[in-house]
Amino acid sequence: MSNDELLLQRIESRTACIAVIGMGYVGLPLAVEFALQGFSVVAIDSDPGRVEKVNQGLNY
């Protein structure tokens, strides 16, 4: 199985882990939508306060 086929299979089965860099006005809703669709999401941001609020389920 090629890497492309493996990635497609993981996306279709929702087992792919999604990484979003930056929790700004684009990154935050993108990460939320992937999570709502059943993906495991890792979100990265340089602002520790923003990260803490997102981890608590709060908007900043």
C-alpha atoms as a PDB file:
ATOM      1  CA  MET A   1       0.000   0.000   0.000  1.00  0.00           C
ATOM      2  CA  SER A   2       1.419   3.400  -0.964  1.00  0.00           C
ATOM      3  CA  ASN A   3       1.697   6.306   1.459  1.00  0.00           C
ATOM      4  CA  ASP A   4      -1.079   8.121  -0.429  1.00  0.00           C
ATOM      5  CA  GLU A   5      -3.414   5.155  -0.077  1.00  0.00           C
ATOM      6  CA  LEU A   6      -2.537   4.752   3.594  1.00  0.00           C
ATOM      7  CA  LEU A   7      -3.236   8.439   4.275  1.00  0.00           C
ATOM      8  CA  LEU A   8      -6.556   8.288   2.420  1.00  0.00           C
ATOM      9  CA  GLN A   9      -7.545   5.194   4.406  1.00  0.00           C
ATOM     10  CA  ARG A  10      -6.691   6.936   7.692  1.00  0.00           C
ATOM     11  CA  ILE A  11      -8.662  10.035   6.707  1.00  0.00           C
ATOM     12  CA  GLU A  12     -11.708   7.998   5.702  1.00  0.00           C
ATOM     13  CA  SER A  13     -11.603   5.964   8.934  1.00  0.00           C
ATOM     14  CA  ARG A  14     -10.962   9.092  11.061  1.00  0.00           C
ATOM     15  CA  THR A  15      -7.776   7.574  12.512  1.00  0.00           C
ATOM     16  CA  ALA A  16      -5.450  10.248  11.113  1.00  0.00           C
ATOM     17  CA  CYS A  17      -4.061  12.682  13.676  1.00  0.00           C
ATOM     18  CA  ILE A  18      -4.410  16.302  12.558  1.00  0.00           C
ATOM     19  CA  ALA A  19      -1.938  18.997  13.638  1.00  0.00           C
ATOM     20  CA  VAL A  20      -2.940  22.666  13.417  1.00  0.00           C
ATOM     21  CA  ILE A  21      -0.248  25.279  13.953  1.00  0.00           C
ATOM     22  CA  GLY A  22      -1.606  28.578  15.250  1.00  0.00           C
ATOM     23  CA  MET A  23      -4.873  29.054  17.120  1.00  0.00           C
ATOM     24  CA  GLY A  24      -5.838  32.326  15.491  1.00  0.00           C
ATOM     25  CA  TYR A  25      -8.982  33.182  13.560  1.00  0.00           C
ATOM     26  CA  VAL A  26      -8.273  30.401  11.041  1.00  0.00           C
ATOM     27  CA  GLY A  27      -6.572  27.733  13.161  1.00  0.00           C
ATOM     28  CA  LEU A  28      -9.029  27.595  16.058  1.00  0.00           C
ATOM     29  CA  PRO A  29     -12.202  26.952  14.017  1.00  0.00           C
ATOM     30  CA  LEU A  30     -10.271  24.548  11.782  1.00  0.00           C
ATOM     31  CA  ALA A  31      -9.093  22.519  14.785  1.00  0.00           C
ATOM     32  CA  VAL A  32     -12.598  22.537  16.286  1.00  0.00           C
ATOM     33  CA  GLU A  33     -14.179  21.323  13.055  1.00  0.00           C
ATOM     34  CA  PHE A  34     -11.680  18.476  12.662  1.00  0.00           C
ATOM     35  CA  ALA A  35     -12.358  17.447  16.279  1.00  0.00           C
ATOM     36  CA  LEU A  36     -16.130  17.567  15.705  1.00  0.00           C
ATOM     37  CA  GLN A  37     -15.654  15.288  12.697  1.00  0.00           C
ATOM     38  CA  GLY A  38     -13.985  12.684  14.926  1.00  0.00           C
ATOM     39  CA  PHE A  39     -10.308  13.307  14.284  1.00  0.00           C
ATOM     40  CA  SER A  40      -7.660  13.413  16.981  1.00  0.00           C
ATOM     41  CA  VAL A  41      -6.317  16.986  16.879  1.00  0.00           C
ATOM     42  CA  VAL A  42      -3.090  18.513  18.171  1.00  0.00           C
ATOM     43  CA  ALA A  43      -3.158  22.310  18.196  1.00  0.00           C
ATOM     44  CA  ILE A  44      -0.001  24.378  18.632  1.00  0.00           C
ATOM     45  CA  ASP A  45       0.253  28.062  19.511  1.00  0.00           C
ATOM     46  CA  SER A  46       3.021  30.302  20.861  1.00  0.00           C
ATOM     47  CA  ASP A  47       0.700  32.014  23.377  1.00  0.00           C
ATOM     48  CA  PRO A  48       0.506  29.892  26.570  1.00  0.00           C
ATOM     49  CA  GLY A  49      -2.607  31.732  27.771  1.00  0.00           C
ATOM     50  CA  ARG A  50      -4.427  30.949  24.553  1.00  0.00           C
ATOM     51  CA  VAL A  51      -3.384  27.299  24.785  1.00  0.00           C
ATOM     52  CA  GLU A  52      -4.656  27.036  28.364  1.00  0.00           C
ATOM     53  CA  LYS A  53      -8.033  28.547  27.471  1.00  0.00           C
ATOM     54  CA  VAL A  54      -8.467  26.229  24.489  1.00  0.00           C
ATOM     55  CA  ASN A  55      -7.537  23.211  26.647  1.00  0.00           C
ATOM     56  CA  GLN A  56     -10.253  24.281  29.103  1.00  0.00           C
ATOM     57  CA  GLY A  57     -12.780  24.478  26.273  1.00  0.00           C
ATOM     58  CA  LEU A  58     -12.978  28.263  26.483  1.00  0.00           C
ATOM     59  CA  ASN A  59     -12.783  30.813  23.705  1.00  0.00           C
ATOM     60  CA  TYR A  60     -10.230  33.562  24.031  1.00  0.00           C
END
